[in-house]
Structures are given as C-alpha cells and as structure tokens.
Amino acid sequence: MSTPTLGSITTVPALHRPDLLADPVAAALRAWPAADQVGVVEIDPSIADTAAMSAAYDLALDTGANCVVVGGRRDGADRVAACVVRADTRADVNNLVKRTLDVRKASFLPMERAVEESGMEYGGITPVGLPAGWRLLVDPRVLEMEVAVIGSGVRRSKLLVPGRLVADIPRAEVIEGLAGGSER
C-alpha cells in the first residue's frame, strides 16, 4: 500500500523512518495494524505550527488536524484528554470537553507537563502513542478528511494519515460537537 500524499508533500512509510518519530509514536505505530497507511515527511521545525506548515506547503487549514491536551480535576484525581479537531476549528474546552471529562473546570495542560507525560515535543504532540491514562477525543469532522496532517511527536516531521483511520487509533472516542460547531 502506498502512503498518503497531499499537495506537494510526498511521504514515506512512517515505520521506515523511526528517526522522525518520538519514541512513544514509533512504539504505537509498530503495534497498530493500520500503520502501513501512515506516512511521514521531514519538515523544517520552524514550520511545525499548523499555520506555518499550511503556508509553507500551500495547504488549506482544513487539511491539518490539531491535537490539544486538556485536563481537569475531580475528587482529587486528574483527568486528561487529548482532543483532535480539524485545524480550522477549535475544541470546545469550556463546555463539551469539560462535561465529557466530568470536571468543574477544564484547561489546557501546562506545556511542561504535556511534554513530560507524553514523551513528545511541544508542537508535535499527536494522538498516536499517547499515555495510557489519557483519553483521546476525536471530532467526527477529522474522520471526513481524505488525508489529515498531524504531529509525529517531534517538530521536525509530520504524519499524514487517512482521516477515517483516526477513529481506529487505540482508545479513540468520536465525540459529536467536539469542535463546538464553529470554525476559526
């Protein structure tokens, strides 16, 4: 099977280039039956942010899927979720995510904590290979994407994955309205 392409981006099979993956991402891909459909492309780390990547490769924002990490506390226990939404939308943290996690207040996880617990670089956190205790919430619009550009766990590369496969990432929960219905 060939790996995804998008615009001028051509990928190689992600597992052929483990040097372009964070360790937890490589481990998760080795265990995921759909890994042969995931491609990786090396990029300049200075364009790892979605808007910069889109501009550099002349891609629309709706080709990217962002993974944001949110947390809250309930009964003294931390509850953490990675939320995957199309890059031209925003996760509904203050309403839907808060209710889904069943916490009084949900907020973005501090960068240092997200990086330490995930084993991934800030700006490269991806839904593939997340810590076992984190929930993975996915907006259904991501599944409609022909090819989604997502993080690889490091800033120097991106994964390209058929959008429909994001629902097959271990522990993924497809949550209607996760992106709050509003576009940027």
N, C-alpha and C. Protein backbone atom coordinates (compact mmCIF):
# COMPACT_ATOMS: atom_id res chain seq x y z
N MET A 1 0.84 -1.18 0.00
CA MET A 1 0.00 0.00 0.00
C MET A 1 0.88 1.24 0.00
N SER A 2 0.50 2.26 -0.74
CA SER A 2 1.28 3.49 -0.78
C SER A 2 0.86 4.40 0.37
N THR A 3 1.77 5.28 0.75
CA THR A 3 1.48 6.20 1.84
C THR A 3 0.81 7.45 1.29
N PRO A 4 0.11 8.19 2.16
CA PRO A 4 -0.62 9.37 1.70
C PRO A 4 0.29 10.48 1.17
N THR A 5 -0.26 11.23 0.25
CA THR A 5 0.37 12.46 -0.25
C THR A 5 -0.66 13.56 -0.14
N LEU A 6 -0.19 14.79 -0.15
CA LEU A 6 -1.09 15.93 -0.07
C LEU A 6 -0.38 17.11 -0.69
N GLY A 7 -0.97 17.68 -1.73
CA GLY A 7 -0.32 18.79 -2.42
C GLY A 7 1.07 18.37 -2.85
N SER A 8 2.07 19.14 -2.44
CA SER A 8 3.46 18.83 -2.81
C SER A 8 4.15 17.92 -1.80
N ILE A 9 3.42 17.46 -0.80
CA ILE A 9 4.02 16.61 0.23
C ILE A 9 3.94 15.14 -0.18
N THR A 10 5.08 14.52 -0.25
CA THR A 10 5.17 13.09 -0.50
C THR A 10 5.77 12.45 0.74
N THR A 11 5.18 11.37 1.19
CA THR A 11 5.64 10.72 2.41
C THR A 11 6.32 9.39 2.12
N VAL A 12 6.96 8.89 3.14
CA VAL A 12 7.48 7.52 3.15
C VAL A 12 6.76 6.81 4.29
N PRO A 13 6.71 5.48 4.28
CA PRO A 13 6.07 4.78 5.40
C PRO A 13 6.69 5.22 6.73
N ALA A 14 5.84 5.59 7.67
CA ALA A 14 6.32 6.14 8.94
C ALA A 14 7.30 5.20 9.64
N LEU A 15 7.03 3.91 9.61
CA LEU A 15 7.92 2.98 10.30
C LEU A 15 9.26 2.78 9.59
N HIS A 16 9.40 3.28 8.37
CA HIS A 16 10.68 3.23 7.68
C HIS A 16 11.61 4.33 8.16
N ARG A 17 11.05 5.34 8.87
CA ARG A 17 11.85 6.47 9.36
C ARG A 17 11.58 6.71 10.84
N PRO A 18 11.91 5.76 11.71
CA PRO A 18 11.67 5.96 13.14
C PRO A 18 12.45 7.15 13.71
N ASP A 19 13.50 7.58 13.00
CA ASP A 19 14.26 8.75 13.44
C ASP A 19 13.42 10.03 13.36
N LEU A 20 12.30 9.98 12.63
CA LEU A 20 11.41 11.14 12.51
C LEU A 20 10.20 11.03 13.44
N LEU A 21 10.24 10.10 14.38
CA LEU A 21 9.12 9.87 15.29
C LEU A 21 9.60 9.92 16.73
N ALA A 22 8.74 10.44 17.62
CA ALA A 22 9.02 10.33 19.04
C ALA A 22 8.93 8.85 19.41
N ASP A 23 9.66 8.42 20.41
CA ASP A 23 9.68 7.01 20.80
C ASP A 23 8.28 6.44 21.05
N PRO A 24 7.38 7.14 21.80
CA PRO A 24 6.06 6.56 22.03
C PRO A 24 5.24 6.43 20.73
N VAL A 25 5.48 7.32 19.78
CA VAL A 25 4.78 7.26 18.50
C VAL A 25 5.25 6.05 17.70
N ALA A 26 6.55 5.86 17.64
CA ALA A 26 7.09 4.69 16.93
C ALA A 26 6.58 3.39 17.54
N ALA A 27 6.57 3.32 18.88
CA ALA A 27 6.08 2.11 19.55
C ALA A 27 4.61 1.86 19.24
N ALA A 28 3.80 2.92 19.27
CA ALA A 28 2.36 2.78 18.99
C ALA A 28 2.14 2.36 17.54
N LEU A 29 2.90 2.92 16.62
CA LEU A 29 2.74 2.55 15.21
C LEU A 29 3.12 1.09 14.98
N ARG A 30 4.16 0.61 15.66
CA ARG A 30 4.56 -0.79 15.49
C ARG A 30 3.44 -1.74 15.93
N ALA A 31 2.61 -1.29 16.87
CA ALA A 31 1.53 -2.14 17.39
C ALA A 31 0.19 -1.92 16.68
N TRP A 32 0.11 -0.92 15.81
CA TRP A 32 -1.16 -0.55 15.18
C TRP A 32 -1.29 -1.21 13.81
N PRO A 33 -2.31 -2.02 13.59
CA PRO A 33 -2.47 -2.69 12.29
C PRO A 33 -2.57 -1.73 11.08
N ALA A 34 -3.01 -0.50 11.30
CA ALA A 34 -3.16 0.46 10.19
C ALA A 34 -1.89 1.25 9.90
N ALA A 35 -0.81 0.96 10.59
CA ALA A 35 0.42 1.74 10.45
C ALA A 35 0.95 1.79 9.03
N ASP A 36 0.68 0.76 8.24
CA ASP A 36 1.18 0.75 6.86
C ASP A 36 0.52 1.81 5.99
N GLN A 37 -0.54 2.45 6.50
CA GLN A 37 -1.22 3.51 5.76
C GLN A 37 -0.83 4.91 6.25
N VAL A 38 0.13 4.96 7.17
CA VAL A 38 0.58 6.22 7.75
C VAL A 38 1.93 6.59 7.14
N GLY A 39 2.01 7.82 6.63
CA GLY A 39 3.25 8.31 6.05
C GLY A 39 3.86 9.37 6.94
N VAL A 40 5.16 9.60 6.77
CA VAL A 40 5.86 10.67 7.50
C VAL A 40 6.65 11.49 6.49
N VAL A 41 6.73 12.78 6.77
CA VAL A 41 7.51 13.69 5.94
C VAL A 41 8.36 14.55 6.86
N GLU A 42 9.62 14.72 6.49
CA GLU A 42 10.52 15.57 7.26
C GLU A 42 10.25 17.02 6.89
N ILE A 43 10.20 17.90 7.90
CA ILE A 43 9.97 19.32 7.66
C ILE A 43 10.98 20.13 8.47
N ASP A 44 11.05 21.41 8.15
CA ASP A 44 11.83 22.35 8.94
C ASP A 44 11.07 22.57 10.25
N PRO A 45 11.69 22.34 11.41
CA PRO A 45 10.99 22.50 12.69
C PRO A 45 10.38 23.89 12.89
N SER A 46 10.90 24.89 12.20
CA SER A 46 10.37 26.25 12.36
C SER A 46 8.98 26.40 11.75
N ILE A 47 8.55 25.43 10.94
CA ILE A 47 7.20 25.50 10.36
C ILE A 47 6.29 24.41 10.91
N ALA A 48 6.61 23.89 12.09
CA ALA A 48 5.81 22.82 12.68
C ALA A 48 4.41 23.27 13.07
N ASP A 49 4.24 24.54 13.43
CA ASP A 49 2.91 25.02 13.77
C ASP A 49 2.02 24.97 12.54
N THR A 50 0.75 24.68 12.76
CA THR A 50 -0.19 24.42 11.68
C THR A 50 -0.24 25.53 10.63
N ALA A 51 -0.37 26.76 11.06
CA ALA A 51 -0.49 27.87 10.11
C ALA A 51 0.78 28.00 9.27
N ALA A 52 1.95 27.88 9.90
CA ALA A 52 3.21 27.98 9.17
C ALA A 52 3.37 26.83 8.19
N MET A 53 3.02 25.63 8.61
CA MET A 53 3.10 24.46 7.73
C MET A 53 2.17 24.62 6.54
N SER A 54 0.95 25.06 6.81
CA SER A 54 -0.02 25.26 5.73
C SER A 54 0.49 26.28 4.73
N ALA A 55 1.05 27.38 5.22
CA ALA A 55 1.57 28.41 4.32
C ALA A 55 2.76 27.90 3.52
N ALA A 56 3.67 27.20 4.18
CA ALA A 56 4.89 26.72 3.51
C ALA A 56 4.58 25.72 2.39
N TYR A 57 3.56 24.91 2.57
CA TYR A 57 3.22 23.89 1.58
C TYR A 57 1.96 24.23 0.79
N ASP A 58 1.48 25.45 0.94
CA ASP A 58 0.29 25.92 0.22
C ASP A 58 -0.90 24.98 0.43
N LEU A 59 -1.16 24.67 1.70
CA LEU A 59 -2.27 23.79 2.07
C LEU A 59 -3.35 24.60 2.78
N ALA A 60 -4.58 24.23 2.58
CA ALA A 60 -5.67 24.85 3.33
C ALA A 60 -5.60 24.37 4.78
N LEU A 61 -6.06 25.21 5.72
CA LEU A 61 -6.04 24.82 7.13
C LEU A 61 -6.85 23.56 7.39
N ASP A 62 -7.87 23.31 6.56
CA ASP A 62 -8.70 22.13 6.81
C ASP A 62 -8.04 20.81 6.42
N THR A 63 -6.75 20.86 6.05
CA THR A 63 -6.01 19.62 5.80
C THR A 63 -5.25 19.17 7.04
N GLY A 64 -5.21 20.03 8.04
CA GLY A 64 -4.50 19.69 9.27
C GLY A 64 -5.47 19.32 10.37
N ALA A 65 -5.00 18.49 11.28
CA ALA A 65 -5.78 18.15 12.48
C ALA A 65 -4.89 18.42 13.68
N ASN A 66 -5.36 19.27 14.57
CA ASN A 66 -4.60 19.63 15.76
C ASN A 66 -4.96 18.73 16.92
N CYS A 67 -3.97 18.46 17.74
CA CYS A 67 -4.15 17.66 18.95
C CYS A 67 -3.80 18.56 20.13
N VAL A 68 -4.81 18.91 20.91
CA VAL A 68 -4.59 19.75 22.09
C VAL A 68 -4.85 18.91 23.33
N VAL A 69 -4.07 19.15 24.37
CA VAL A 69 -4.17 18.36 25.59
C VAL A 69 -4.82 19.22 26.68
N VAL A 70 -5.88 18.66 27.27
CA VAL A 70 -6.70 19.37 28.24
C VAL A 70 -6.80 18.53 29.50
N GLY A 71 -6.91 19.21 30.63
CA GLY A 71 -7.05 18.47 31.87
C GLY A 71 -7.93 19.20 32.87
N GLY A 72 -8.36 18.46 33.86
CA GLY A 72 -9.14 18.99 34.96
C GLY A 72 -9.06 18.02 36.12
N ARG A 73 -9.65 18.39 37.25
CA ARG A 73 -9.62 17.52 38.43
C ARG A 73 -11.04 17.26 38.90
N ARG A 74 -11.22 16.06 39.43
CA ARG A 74 -12.50 15.69 40.05
C ARG A 74 -12.19 14.74 41.19
N ASP A 75 -12.70 15.04 42.34
CA ASP A 75 -12.48 14.21 43.53
C ASP A 75 -10.99 13.93 43.77
N GLY A 76 -10.17 14.95 43.53
CA GLY A 76 -8.74 14.82 43.77
C GLY A 76 -7.96 14.09 42.71
N ALA A 77 -8.62 13.64 41.66
CA ALA A 77 -7.94 12.89 40.60
C ALA A 77 -7.86 13.74 39.32
N ASP A 78 -6.69 13.71 38.70
CA ASP A 78 -6.52 14.39 37.41
C ASP A 78 -7.21 13.60 36.32
N ARG A 79 -7.84 14.33 35.40
CA ARG A 79 -8.46 13.72 34.22
C ARG A 79 -7.92 14.47 33.01
N VAL A 80 -7.28 13.75 32.12
CA VAL A 80 -6.60 14.35 30.98
C VAL A 80 -7.14 13.75 29.69
N ALA A 81 -7.28 14.61 28.68
CA ALA A 81 -7.70 14.15 27.36
C ALA A 81 -6.94 14.90 26.28
N ALA A 82 -6.58 14.19 25.24
CA ALA A 82 -6.07 14.80 24.02
C ALA A 82 -7.27 14.94 23.10
N CYS A 83 -7.46 16.13 22.56
CA CYS A 83 -8.61 16.41 21.70
C CYS A 83 -8.11 16.66 20.29
N VAL A 84 -8.64 15.93 19.32
CA VAL A 84 -8.21 16.08 17.93
C VAL A 84 -9.35 16.72 17.15
N VAL A 85 -9.05 17.90 16.62
CA VAL A 85 -10.03 18.65 15.82
C VAL A 85 -9.36 19.14 14.55
N ARG A 86 -10.16 19.38 13.54
CA ARG A 86 -9.63 19.95 12.31
C ARG A 86 -8.98 21.30 12.63
N ALA A 87 -7.90 21.62 11.96
CA ALA A 87 -7.12 22.83 12.26
C ALA A 87 -7.88 24.13 12.04
N ASP A 88 -8.94 24.09 11.26
CA ASP A 88 -9.72 25.31 11.06
C ASP A 88 -10.87 25.44 12.06
N THR A 89 -10.85 24.61 13.11
CA THR A 89 -11.85 24.67 14.18
C THR A 89 -11.11 24.69 15.52
N ARG A 90 -11.89 24.82 16.59
CA ARG A 90 -11.32 24.82 17.94
C ARG A 90 -12.09 23.83 18.80
N ALA A 91 -11.37 23.16 19.68
CA ALA A 91 -12.02 22.24 20.62
C ALA A 91 -12.88 23.04 21.59
N ASP A 92 -14.05 22.55 21.88
CA ASP A 92 -14.98 23.19 22.81
C ASP A 92 -14.60 22.79 24.24
N VAL A 93 -13.50 23.37 24.72
CA VAL A 93 -12.93 23.01 26.01
C VAL A 93 -13.85 23.39 27.17
N ASN A 94 -14.42 24.58 27.10
CA ASN A 94 -15.20 25.09 28.24
C ASN A 94 -16.57 24.46 28.41
N ASN A 95 -17.04 23.75 27.42
CA ASN A 95 -18.35 23.12 27.53
C ASN A 95 -18.25 21.61 27.34
N LEU A 96 -18.13 21.18 26.10
CA LEU A 96 -18.20 19.74 25.81
C LEU A 96 -17.06 18.95 26.44
N VAL A 97 -15.84 19.43 26.34
CA VAL A 97 -14.72 18.69 26.91
C VAL A 97 -14.86 18.64 28.43
N LYS A 98 -15.21 19.74 29.03
CA LYS A 98 -15.41 19.79 30.48
C LYS A 98 -16.47 18.77 30.92
N ARG A 99 -17.58 18.72 30.20
CA ARG A 99 -18.64 17.75 30.54
C ARG A 99 -18.19 16.32 30.28
N THR A 100 -17.48 16.09 29.19
CA THR A 100 -17.02 14.75 28.85
C THR A 100 -16.04 14.22 29.90
N LEU A 101 -15.17 15.09 30.39
CA LEU A 101 -14.22 14.68 31.43
C LEU A 101 -14.86 14.67 32.81
N ASP A 102 -16.05 15.24 32.91
CA ASP A 102 -16.77 15.35 34.18
C ASP A 102 -15.92 16.07 35.23
N VAL A 103 -15.46 17.27 34.84
CA VAL A 103 -14.69 18.13 35.74
C VAL A 103 -15.38 19.49 35.83
N ARG A 104 -15.08 20.19 36.91
CA ARG A 104 -15.67 21.52 37.10
C ARG A 104 -15.08 22.53 36.15
N LYS A 105 -13.75 22.42 35.92
CA LYS A 105 -13.05 23.34 35.03
C LYS A 105 -12.04 22.56 34.22
N ALA A 106 -12.04 22.77 32.93
CA ALA A 106 -11.04 22.15 32.04
C ALA A 106 -10.17 23.26 31.47
N SER A 107 -8.89 22.98 31.39
CA SER A 107 -7.97 23.95 30.80
C SER A 107 -6.85 23.21 30.09
N PHE A 108 -6.14 23.93 29.24
CA PHE A 108 -5.04 23.32 28.52
C PHE A 108 -3.96 22.89 29.53
N LEU A 109 -3.44 21.70 29.34
CA LEU A 109 -2.40 21.18 30.22
C LEU A 109 -1.15 22.06 30.06
N PRO A 110 -0.49 22.38 31.14
CA PRO A 110 0.76 23.15 31.01
C PRO A 110 1.73 22.43 30.08
N MET A 111 2.43 23.22 29.28
CA MET A 111 3.33 22.67 28.27
C MET A 111 4.33 21.68 28.87
N GLU A 112 4.95 22.04 29.97
CA GLU A 112 5.97 21.17 30.56
C GLU A 112 5.38 19.81 30.93
N ARG A 113 4.18 19.82 31.49
CA ARG A 113 3.55 18.56 31.90
C ARG A 113 3.16 17.73 30.67
N ALA A 114 2.59 18.38 29.66
CA ALA A 114 2.19 17.66 28.45
C ALA A 114 3.39 16.99 27.79
N VAL A 115 4.49 17.71 27.71
CA VAL A 115 5.71 17.18 27.10
C VAL A 115 6.28 16.03 27.93
N GLU A 116 6.37 16.23 29.24
CA GLU A 116 6.95 15.20 30.10
C GLU A 116 6.12 13.91 30.08
N GLU A 117 4.80 14.04 30.24
CA GLU A 117 3.96 12.85 30.31
C GLU A 117 3.80 12.14 28.97
N SER A 118 3.79 12.90 27.87
CA SER A 118 3.59 12.28 26.56
C SER A 118 4.86 11.71 25.97
N GLY A 119 6.01 12.25 26.36
CA GLY A 119 7.27 11.85 25.74
C GLY A 119 7.43 12.43 24.35
N MET A 120 6.65 13.50 24.08
CA MET A 120 6.67 14.15 22.77
C MET A 120 7.08 15.60 22.92
N GLU A 121 7.48 16.22 21.82
CA GLU A 121 7.87 17.62 21.83
C GLU A 121 6.65 18.52 21.74
N TYR A 122 6.72 19.68 22.39
CA TYR A 122 5.67 20.67 22.28
C TYR A 122 5.56 21.10 20.81
N GLY A 123 4.37 21.14 20.30
CA GLY A 123 4.17 21.46 18.89
C GLY A 123 4.18 20.23 18.01
N GLY A 124 4.46 19.07 18.59
CA GLY A 124 4.47 17.83 17.82
C GLY A 124 3.58 16.76 18.43
N ILE A 125 2.90 17.11 19.54
CA ILE A 125 2.06 16.11 20.22
C ILE A 125 0.98 15.62 19.27
N THR A 126 0.81 14.32 19.24
CA THR A 126 -0.06 13.66 18.28
C THR A 126 -0.97 12.66 18.99
N PRO A 127 -2.07 12.28 18.38
CA PRO A 127 -2.93 11.28 19.02
C PRO A 127 -2.35 9.86 19.01
N VAL A 128 -1.32 9.63 18.27
CA VAL A 128 -0.70 8.30 18.18
C VAL A 128 0.35 8.16 19.28
N GLY A 129 0.15 7.21 20.18
CA GLY A 129 1.15 6.95 21.21
C GLY A 129 0.98 7.74 22.50
N LEU A 130 -0.23 8.16 22.77
CA LEU A 130 -0.49 8.92 24.00
C LEU A 130 -0.38 8.04 25.24
N PRO A 131 -0.13 8.66 26.40
CA PRO A 131 -0.09 7.88 27.64
C PRO A 131 -1.39 7.12 27.87
N ALA A 132 -1.29 5.96 28.46
CA ALA A 132 -2.45 5.08 28.67
C ALA A 132 -3.54 5.72 29.51
N GLY A 133 -3.20 6.61 30.41
CA GLY A 133 -4.20 7.23 31.27
C GLY A 133 -4.95 8.39 30.65
N TRP A 134 -4.55 8.81 29.45
CA TRP A 134 -5.21 9.93 28.79
C TRP A 134 -6.34 9.43 27.90
N ARG A 135 -7.44 10.14 27.89
CA ARG A 135 -8.49 9.84 26.92
C ARG A 135 -8.13 10.50 25.60
N LEU A 136 -8.65 9.94 24.52
CA LEU A 136 -8.44 10.50 23.19
C LEU A 136 -9.81 10.82 22.60
N LEU A 137 -10.11 12.12 22.50
CA LEU A 137 -11.39 12.58 21.98
C LEU A 137 -11.18 13.10 20.56
N VAL A 138 -12.02 12.66 19.63
CA VAL A 138 -11.86 13.00 18.22
C VAL A 138 -13.16 13.60 17.69
N ASP A 139 -13.04 14.75 17.03
CA ASP A 139 -14.20 15.35 16.38
C ASP A 139 -14.49 14.58 15.08
N PRO A 140 -15.76 14.25 14.80
CA PRO A 140 -16.06 13.46 13.61
C PRO A 140 -15.65 14.12 12.29
N ARG A 141 -15.49 15.43 12.27
CA ARG A 141 -15.05 16.09 11.03
C ARG A 141 -13.64 15.66 10.63
N VAL A 142 -12.84 15.23 11.59
CA VAL A 142 -11.50 14.74 11.27
C VAL A 142 -11.61 13.47 10.43
N LEU A 143 -12.59 12.64 10.74
CA LEU A 143 -12.76 11.38 10.02
C LEU A 143 -13.16 11.58 8.57
N GLU A 144 -13.72 12.73 8.27
CA GLU A 144 -14.16 13.04 6.90
C GLU A 144 -13.02 13.54 6.02
N MET A 145 -11.88 13.83 6.61
CA MET A 145 -10.73 14.35 5.86
C MET A 145 -10.12 13.22 5.03
N GLU A 146 -9.86 13.48 3.77
CA GLU A 146 -9.23 12.45 2.95
C GLU A 146 -7.87 12.10 3.53
N VAL A 147 -7.06 13.11 3.81
CA VAL A 147 -5.75 12.94 4.43
C VAL A 147 -5.61 14.02 5.48
N ALA A 148 -5.23 13.63 6.70
CA ALA A 148 -5.02 14.58 7.78
C ALA A 148 -3.53 14.70 8.07
N VAL A 149 -3.06 15.94 8.18
CA VAL A 149 -1.69 16.20 8.59
C VAL A 149 -1.72 16.35 10.11
N ILE A 150 -0.99 15.47 10.80
CA ILE A 150 -0.95 15.50 12.27
C ILE A 150 0.50 15.48 12.73
N GLY A 151 0.70 15.69 14.01
CA GLY A 151 2.04 15.65 14.57
C GLY A 151 2.63 14.26 14.53
N SER A 152 3.93 14.21 14.75
CA SER A 152 4.67 12.94 14.77
C SER A 152 5.34 12.70 16.12
N GLY A 153 5.08 13.61 17.03
CA GLY A 153 5.74 13.55 18.33
C GLY A 153 6.99 14.41 18.40
N VAL A 154 7.48 14.84 17.23
CA VAL A 154 8.63 15.74 17.15
C VAL A 154 8.28 16.87 16.19
N ARG A 155 8.98 17.99 16.32
CA ARG A 155 8.66 19.16 15.48
C ARG A 155 9.27 19.05 14.07
N ARG A 156 10.17 18.14 13.86
CA ARG A 156 10.86 18.08 12.57
C ARG A 156 10.19 17.18 11.53
N SER A 157 8.98 16.74 11.83
CA SER A 157 8.26 15.92 10.85
C SER A 157 6.76 15.98 11.12
N LYS A 158 6.00 15.49 10.16
CA LYS A 158 4.54 15.38 10.28
C LYS A 158 4.13 14.01 9.78
N LEU A 159 3.05 13.50 10.36
CA LEU A 159 2.42 12.28 9.85
C LEU A 159 1.28 12.67 8.94
N LEU A 160 1.08 11.90 7.90
CA LEU A 160 -0.10 12.02 7.05
C LEU A 160 -0.85 10.71 7.18
N VAL A 161 -2.13 10.83 7.52
CA VAL A 161 -2.93 9.64 7.79
C VAL A 161 -4.32 9.84 7.18
N PRO A 162 -4.89 8.82 6.56
CA PRO A 162 -6.28 8.96 6.10
C PRO A 162 -7.16 9.32 7.31
N GLY A 163 -7.96 10.36 7.17
CA GLY A 163 -8.77 10.84 8.29
C GLY A 163 -9.60 9.77 8.95
N ARG A 164 -10.18 8.87 8.15
CA ARG A 164 -11.05 7.83 8.71
C ARG A 164 -10.33 6.94 9.72
N LEU A 165 -9.00 6.83 9.58
CA LEU A 165 -8.23 5.97 10.47
C LEU A 165 -8.01 6.57 11.86
N VAL A 166 -8.24 7.86 12.00
CA VAL A 166 -8.03 8.48 13.31
C VAL A 166 -8.97 7.84 14.34
N ALA A 167 -10.16 7.41 13.90
CA ALA A 167 -11.10 6.74 14.81
C ALA A 167 -10.60 5.37 15.24
N ASP A 168 -9.63 4.82 14.52
CA ASP A 168 -9.10 3.50 14.84
C ASP A 168 -7.86 3.54 15.72
N ILE A 169 -7.40 4.74 16.06
CA ILE A 169 -6.26 4.85 16.98
C ILE A 169 -6.74 4.30 18.32
N PRO A 170 -5.94 3.47 18.96
CA PRO A 170 -6.38 2.89 20.23
C PRO A 170 -6.92 3.92 21.21
N ARG A 171 -8.06 3.58 21.80
CA ARG A 171 -8.79 4.39 22.80
C ARG A 171 -9.47 5.62 22.23
N ALA A 172 -9.53 5.79 20.92
CA ALA A 172 -10.19 6.96 20.34
C ALA A 172 -11.68 6.92 20.63
N GLU A 173 -12.22 8.06 21.02
CA GLU A 173 -13.66 8.23 21.24
C GLU A 173 -14.12 9.34 20.31
N VAL A 174 -14.98 9.03 19.38
CA VAL A 174 -15.51 10.05 18.47
C VAL A 174 -16.63 10.78 19.21
N ILE A 175 -16.47 12.09 19.36
CA ILE A 175 -17.39 12.90 20.15
C ILE A 175 -18.02 13.97 19.26
N GLU A 176 -19.30 13.79 18.97
CA GLU A 176 -20.03 14.76 18.15
C GLU A 176 -19.98 16.14 18.82
N GLY A 177 -19.65 17.16 18.03
CA GLY A 177 -19.62 18.53 18.55
C GLY A 177 -18.36 18.90 19.29
N LEU A 178 -17.33 18.05 19.26
CA LEU A 178 -16.10 18.34 19.98
C LEU A 178 -15.51 19.69 19.55
N ALA A 179 -15.63 20.00 18.29
CA ALA A 179 -15.08 21.27 17.79
C ALA A 179 -16.07 22.41 18.00
N GLY A 180 -17.15 22.18 18.70
CA GLY A 180 -18.06 23.25 19.04
C GLY A 180 -18.85 23.82 17.89
N GLY A 181 -18.71 23.26 16.70
CA GLY A 181 -19.50 23.70 15.56
C GLY A 181 -19.05 25.00 14.96
N SER A 182 -18.00 25.63 15.50
CA SER A 182 -17.59 26.92 14.95
C SER A 182 -16.22 26.79 14.32
N GLU A 183 -16.07 27.47 13.21
CA GLU A 183 -14.78 27.49 12.53
C GLU A 183 -14.06 28.77 12.89
N ARG A 184 -12.77 28.76 12.72
CA ARG A 184 -11.95 29.93 13.06
C ARG A 184 -12.26 31.09 12.17
